[in-house]
């Protein structure tokens, strides 16, 4: 009987190293799997960040283009006054300004609220300028008179909201890239 207990005791002792090896293997596997998962997550975040940089740069470019397109020179070149009266031309200019902004609304996701505020202000100030220029003219006058009045009022402005917005956009690009 003593020998049978001794055999069982010896058999039990031989299982202990197996259990230790199994525990170490499980811990090692868990650690390896965790490191691999963290590595994949890091790579994915890095890839997403690179994509975001591209989107942000595109947003800055599109908003710079938007601001250039709403300057009086570009706006009036794009929306010709020929054959229209002041009333119809004013309406077309305002629709063009609104359309330009609507086309770029999604870009606000990629820039700061401050810069987006400057962009919106530039568009609003340009709309106000068109309305102010039209308010001093008869609606039936030729549209060329409105065009001339817009250029005159714009040149008299001390602060240039379009340029202010462009400068803010450029500063933000310089800070972020």
C-alpha atoms as a PDB file:
ATOM      1  CA  UNK A   1       0.000   0.000   0.000  1.00  0.00           C
ATOM      2  CA  UNK A   2       2.829   2.269   0.721  1.00  0.00           C
ATOM      3  CA  UNK A   3       4.207   1.725  -2.716  1.00  0.00           C
ATOM      4  CA  UNK A   4       0.861   2.473  -4.378  1.00  0.00           C
ATOM      5  CA  UNK A   5       0.634   5.822  -2.537  1.00  0.00           C
ATOM      6  CA  UNK A   6       4.165   6.539  -3.516  1.00  0.00           C
ATOM      7  CA  UNK A   7       3.342   5.860  -7.192  1.00  0.00           C
ATOM      8  CA  UNK A   8       0.335   8.150  -7.017  1.00  0.00           C
ATOM      9  CA  UNK A   9       2.399  10.778  -5.257  1.00  0.00           C
ATOM     10  CA  UNK A  10       5.102  10.582  -7.904  1.00  0.00           C
ATOM     11  CA  UNK A  11       2.508  10.700 -10.683  1.00  0.00           C
ATOM     12  CA  UNK A  12       0.959  13.798  -9.108  1.00  0.00           C
ATOM     13  CA  UNK A  13       4.339  15.473  -8.929  1.00  0.00           C
ATOM     14  CA  UNK A  14       4.941  14.841 -12.609  1.00  0.00           C
ATOM     15  CA  UNK A  15       1.674  16.631 -13.470  1.00  0.00           C
ATOM     16  CA  UNK A  16       2.783  19.851 -11.748  1.00  0.00           C
ATOM     17  CA  UNK A  17       5.395  20.734 -14.395  1.00  0.00           C
ATOM     18  CA  UNK A  18       2.783  20.061 -17.090  1.00  0.00           C
ATOM     19  CA  UNK A  19       0.350  22.449 -15.382  1.00  0.00           C
ATOM     20  CA  UNK A  20       3.054  25.098 -15.018  1.00  0.00           C
ATOM     21  CA  UNK A  21       3.977  24.773 -18.708  1.00  0.00           C
ATOM     22  CA  UNK A  22       0.295  24.994 -19.690  1.00  0.00           C
ATOM     23  CA  UNK A  23      -0.252  28.135 -17.566  1.00  0.00           C
ATOM     24  CA  UNK A  24       2.865  29.794 -19.005  1.00  0.00           C
ATOM     25  CA  UNK A  25       1.790  28.862 -22.553  1.00  0.00           C
ATOM     26  CA  UNK A  26      -1.711  30.292 -22.043  1.00  0.00           C
ATOM     27  CA  UNK A  27      -0.325  33.503 -20.533  1.00  0.00           C
ATOM     28  CA  UNK A  28       2.219  33.805 -23.345  1.00  0.00           C
ATOM     29  CA  UNK A  29      -0.462  33.273 -26.002  1.00  0.00           C
ATOM     30  CA  UNK A  30      -2.742  35.861 -24.374  1.00  0.00           C
ATOM     31  CA  UNK A  31       0.111  38.346 -24.253  1.00  0.00           C
ATOM     32  CA  UNK A  32       1.044  37.708 -27.887  1.00  0.00           C
ATOM     33  CA  UNK A  33      -2.557  38.019 -29.063  1.00  0.00           C
ATOM     34  CA  UNK A  34      -2.986  41.267 -27.102  1.00  0.00           C
ATOM     35  CA  UNK A  35       0.196  42.767 -28.571  1.00  0.00           C
ATOM     36  CA  UNK A  36      -0.856  41.729 -32.087  1.00  0.00           C
ATOM     37  CA  UNK A  37      -4.313  43.290 -31.632  1.00  0.00           C
ATOM     38  CA  UNK A  38      -2.796  46.518 -30.289  1.00  0.00           C
ATOM     39  CA  UNK A  39      -0.386  46.612 -33.221  1.00  0.00           C
ATOM     40  CA  UNK A  40      -3.232  46.193 -35.734  1.00  0.00           C
ATOM     41  CA  UNK A  41      -5.276  48.886 -33.971  1.00  0.00           C
ATOM     42  CA  UNK A  42      -2.301  51.254 -34.074  1.00  0.00           C
ATOM     43  CA  UNK A  43      -1.753  50.599 -37.778  1.00  0.00           C
ATOM     44  CA  UNK A  44      -5.448  51.202 -38.469  1.00  0.00           C
ATOM     45  CA  UNK A  45      -5.417  54.468 -36.529  1.00  0.00           C
ATOM     46  CA  UNK A  46      -2.295  55.563 -38.382  1.00  0.00           C
ATOM     47  CA  UNK A  47      -3.917  54.730 -41.718  1.00  0.00           C
ATOM     48  CA  UNK A  48      -7.081  56.606 -40.730  1.00  0.00           C
ATOM     49  CA  UNK A  49      -5.034  59.593 -39.603  1.00  0.00           C
ATOM     50  CA  UNK A  50      -3.220  59.671 -42.947  1.00  0.00           C
ATOM     51  CA  UNK A  51      -6.580  59.605 -44.733  1.00  0.00           C
ATOM     52  CA  UNK A  52      -7.888  62.365 -42.489  1.00  0.00           C
ATOM     53  CA  UNK A  53      -4.899  64.551 -43.368  1.00  0.00           C
ATOM     54  CA  UNK A  54      -5.779  64.154 -47.021  1.00  0.00           C
ATOM     55  CA  UNK A  55      -9.424  65.077 -46.358  1.00  0.00           C
ATOM     56  CA  UNK A  56      -8.436  68.075 -44.290  1.00  0.00           C
ATOM     57  CA  UNK A  57      -6.065  69.369 -46.956  1.00  0.00           C
ATOM     58  CA  UNK A  58      -8.779  68.947 -49.566  1.00  0.00           C
ATOM     59  CA  UNK A  59     -11.178  70.870 -47.336  1.00  0.00           C
ATOM     60  CA  UNK A  60      -8.708  73.746 -47.005  1.00  0.00           C
ATOM     61  CA  UNK A  61      -8.194  73.777 -50.760  1.00  0.00           C
ATOM     62  CA  UNK A  62     -11.916  73.721 -51.490  1.00  0.00           C
ATOM     63  CA  UNK A  63     -12.626  76.520 -49.036  1.00  0.00           C
ATOM     64  CA  UNK A  64      -9.807  78.635 -50.465  1.00  0.00           C
ATOM     65  CA  UNK A  65     -11.327  78.084 -53.901  1.00  0.00           C
ATOM     66  CA  UNK A  66     -14.779  78.964 -52.527  1.00  0.00           C
ATOM     67  CA  UNK A  67     -13.457  82.223 -51.106  1.00  0.00           C
ATOM     68  CA  UNK A  68     -11.797  83.081 -54.400  1.00  0.00           C
ATOM     69  CA  UNK A  69     -15.022  82.287 -56.286  1.00  0.00           C
ATOM     70  CA  UNK A  70     -17.096  84.703 -54.206  1.00  0.00           C
ATOM     71  CA  UNK A  71     -14.848  87.722 -54.767  1.00  0.00           C
ATOM     72  CA  UNK A  72     -16.612  90.363 -56.861  1.00  0.00           C
ATOM     73  CA  UNK A  73     -14.278  89.783 -59.820  1.00  0.00           C
ATOM     74  CA  UNK A  74     -14.887  86.039 -59.960  1.00  0.00           C
ATOM     75  CA  UNK A  75     -18.572  86.230 -59.083  1.00  0.00           C
ATOM     76  CA  UNK A  76     -19.373  88.826 -61.733  1.00  0.00           C
ATOM     77  CA  UNK A  77     -17.280  87.042 -64.338  1.00  0.00           C
ATOM     78  CA  UNK A  78     -19.209  83.840 -63.633  1.00  0.00           C
ATOM     79  CA  UNK A  79     -22.651  85.477 -63.437  1.00  0.00           C
ATOM     80  CA  UNK A  80     -22.843  87.819 -66.388  1.00  0.00           C
ATOM     81  CA  UNK A  81     -25.045  90.925 -66.155  1.00  0.00           C
ATOM     82  CA  UNK A  82     -25.730  91.001 -69.887  1.00  0.00           C
ATOM     83  CA  UNK A  83     -29.387  91.398 -70.776  1.00  0.00           C
ATOM     84  CA  UNK A  84     -30.650  91.553 -67.191  1.00  0.00           C
ATOM     85  CA  UNK A  85     -32.037  94.229 -64.958  1.00  0.00           C
ATOM     86  CA  UNK A  86     -30.856  94.997 -61.408  1.00  0.00           C
ATOM     87  CA  UNK A  87     -33.600  92.905 -59.779  1.00  0.00           C
ATOM     88  CA  UNK A  88     -32.857  89.721 -61.735  1.00  0.00           C
ATOM     89  CA  UNK A  89     -29.101  90.167 -61.517  1.00  0.00           C
ATOM     90  CA  UNK A  90     -29.228  90.680 -57.738  1.00  0.00           C
ATOM     91  CA  UNK A  91     -31.243  87.494 -57.392  1.00  0.00           C
ATOM     92  CA  UNK A  92     -28.804  85.505 -59.577  1.00  0.00           C
ATOM     93  CA  UNK A  93     -25.789  86.789 -57.659  1.00  0.00           C
ATOM     94  CA  UNK A  94     -27.349  85.868 -54.309  1.00  0.00           C
ATOM     95  CA  UNK A  95     -28.331  82.422 -55.597  1.00  0.00           C
ATOM     96  CA  UNK A  96     -24.799  81.879 -56.850  1.00  0.00           C
ATOM     97  CA  UNK A  97     -23.338  82.855 -53.464  1.00  0.00           C
ATOM     98  CA  UNK A  98     -25.731  80.530 -51.653  1.00  0.00           C
ATOM     99  CA  UNK A  99     -25.047  77.696 -54.083  1.00  0.00           C
ATOM    100  CA  UNK A 100     -21.290  78.082 -53.662  1.00  0.00           C
ATOM    101  CA  UNK A 101     -21.613  77.830 -49.874  1.00  0.00           C
ATOM    102  CA  UNK A 102     -24.090  74.950 -50.023  1.00  0.00           C
ATOM    103  CA  UNK A 103     -21.644  73.053 -52.204  1.00  0.00           C
ATOM    104  CA  UNK A 104     -18.968  73.410 -49.510  1.00  0.00           C
ATOM    105  CA  UNK A 105     -20.969  72.955 -46.303  1.00  0.00           C
ATOM    106  CA  UNK A 106     -19.474  69.553 -45.543  1.00  0.00           C
ATOM    107  CA  UNK A 107     -15.982  71.059 -45.385  1.00  0.00           C
ATOM    108  CA  UNK A 108     -16.731  72.565 -41.974  1.00  0.00           C
ATOM    109  CA  UNK A 109     -16.193  69.110 -40.465  1.00  0.00           C
ATOM    110  CA  UNK A 110     -12.478  69.298 -41.253  1.00  0.00           C
ATOM    111  CA  UNK A 111     -11.659  72.826 -40.075  1.00  0.00           C
ATOM    112  CA  UNK A 112     -11.957  74.692 -36.797  1.00  0.00           C
ATOM    113  CA  UNK A 113     -15.155  76.494 -35.853  1.00  0.00           C
ATOM    114  CA  UNK A 114     -13.245  79.754 -35.828  1.00  0.00           C
ATOM    115  CA  UNK A 115     -12.150  79.460 -39.444  1.00  0.00           C
ATOM    116  CA  UNK A 116     -15.586  78.229 -40.516  1.00  0.00           C
ATOM    117  CA  UNK A 117     -17.014  81.357 -38.885  1.00  0.00           C
ATOM    118  CA  UNK A 118     -14.716  83.528 -41.017  1.00  0.00           C
ATOM    119  CA  UNK A 119     -15.790  81.642 -44.155  1.00  0.00           C
ATOM    120  CA  UNK A 120     -19.488  82.072 -43.358  1.00  0.00           C
ATOM    121  CA  UNK A 121     -18.960  85.725 -42.496  1.00  0.00           C
ATOM    122  CA  UNK A 122     -17.215  86.335 -45.832  1.00  0.00           C
ATOM    123  CA  UNK A 123     -20.172  84.852 -47.715  1.00  0.00           C
ATOM    124  CA  UNK A 124     -22.697  86.804 -45.622  1.00  0.00           C
ATOM    125  CA  UNK A 125     -20.806  90.059 -46.060  1.00  0.00           C
ATOM    126  CA  UNK A 126     -20.648  89.505 -49.819  1.00  0.00           C
ATOM    127  CA  UNK A 127     -24.422  88.901 -49.878  1.00  0.00           C
ATOM    128  CA  UNK A 128     -24.937  92.067 -47.843  1.00  0.00           C
ATOM    129  CA  UNK A 129     -22.736  93.991 -50.265  1.00  0.00           C
ATOM    130  CA  UNK A 130     -24.830  92.811 -53.233  1.00  0.00           C
ATOM    131  CA  UNK A 131     -28.026  93.814 -51.409  1.00  0.00           C
ATOM    132  CA  UNK A 132     -26.585  97.174 -50.371  1.00  0.00           C
ATOM    133  CA  UNK A 133     -25.473  97.902 -53.935  1.00  0.00           C
ATOM    134  CA  UNK A 134     -28.927  96.998 -55.275  1.00  0.00           C
ATOM    135  CA  UNK A 135     -30.783  99.039 -52.646  1.00  0.00           C
ATOM    136  CA  UNK A 136     -29.554 102.301 -54.146  1.00  0.00           C
ATOM    137  CA  UNK A 137     -30.678 101.385 -57.661  1.00  0.00           C
ATOM    138  CA  UNK A 138     -34.006 101.024 -59.381  1.00  0.00           C
ATOM    139  CA  UNK A 139     -34.882  97.331 -59.938  1.00  0.00           C
ATOM    140  CA  UNK A 140     -35.476  98.013 -63.642  1.00  0.00           C
ATOM    141  CA  UNK A 141     -32.062  99.575 -64.313  1.00  0.00           C
ATOM    142  CA  UNK A 142     -29.586  97.600 -66.415  1.00  0.00           C
ATOM    143  CA  UNK A 143     -27.614  95.009 -64.429  1.00  0.00           C
ATOM    144  CA  UNK A 144     -24.343  96.625 -65.446  1.00  0.00           C
ATOM    145  CA  UNK A 145     -25.151  99.433 -62.993  1.00  0.00           C
ATOM    146  CA  UNK A 146     -25.379  96.903 -60.167  1.00  0.00           C
ATOM    147  CA  UNK A 147     -22.082  95.377 -61.247  1.00  0.00           C
ATOM    148  CA  UNK A 148     -20.390  98.785 -61.153  1.00  0.00           C
ATOM    149  CA  UNK A 149     -21.929  99.604 -57.768  1.00  0.00           C
ATOM    150  CA  UNK A 150     -20.699  96.278 -56.319  1.00  0.00           C
ATOM    151  CA  UNK A 151     -17.157  96.971 -57.471  1.00  0.00           C
ATOM    152  CA  UNK A 152     -17.280 100.484 -56.055  1.00  0.00           C
ATOM    153  CA  UNK A 153     -18.635  99.432 -52.662  1.00  0.00           C
ATOM    154  CA  UNK A 154     -16.194  96.541 -52.412  1.00  0.00           C
ATOM    155  CA  UNK A 155     -13.209  98.789 -53.135  1.00  0.00           C
ATOM    156  CA  UNK A 156     -14.388 101.210 -50.421  1.00  0.00           C
ATOM    157  CA  UNK A 157     -14.522  98.534 -47.704  1.00  0.00           C
ATOM    158  CA  UNK A 158     -11.829  98.976 -45.099  1.00  0.00           C
ATOM    159  CA  UNK A 159     -11.979  95.391 -43.925  1.00  0.00           C
ATOM    160  CA  UNK A 160     -12.008  92.670 -46.524  1.00  0.00           C
ATOM    161  CA  UNK A 161     -13.842  89.671 -45.026  1.00  0.00           C
ATOM    162  CA  UNK A 162     -12.862  87.383 -47.902  1.00  0.00           C
ATOM    163  CA  UNK A 163      -9.191  88.175 -47.402  1.00  0.00           C
ATOM    164  CA  UNK A 164      -9.579  87.840 -43.626  1.00  0.00           C
ATOM    165  CA  UNK A 165     -11.085  84.367 -44.101  1.00  0.00           C
ATOM    166  CA  UNK A 166      -8.309  83.378 -46.522  1.00  0.00           C
ATOM    167  CA  UNK A 167      -5.676  84.562 -44.043  1.00  0.00           C
ATOM    168  CA  UNK A 168      -7.316  82.557 -41.224  1.00  0.00           C
ATOM    169  CA  UNK A 169      -7.456  79.499 -43.486  1.00  0.00           C
ATOM    170  CA  UNK A 170      -3.768  79.848 -44.362  1.00  0.00           C
ATOM    171  CA  UNK A 171      -2.802  80.307 -40.692  1.00  0.00           C
ATOM    172  CA  UNK A 172      -4.668  77.136 -39.751  1.00  0.00           C
ATOM    173  CA  UNK A 173      -2.979  75.176 -42.543  1.00  0.00           C
ATOM    174  CA  UNK A 174       0.383  76.485 -41.361  1.00  0.00           C
ATOM    175  CA  UNK A 175      -0.326  75.390 -37.790  1.00  0.00           C
ATOM    176  CA  UNK A 176      -1.633  71.936 -38.707  1.00  0.00           C
ATOM    177  CA  UNK A 177       0.706  71.006 -41.509  1.00  0.00           C
END
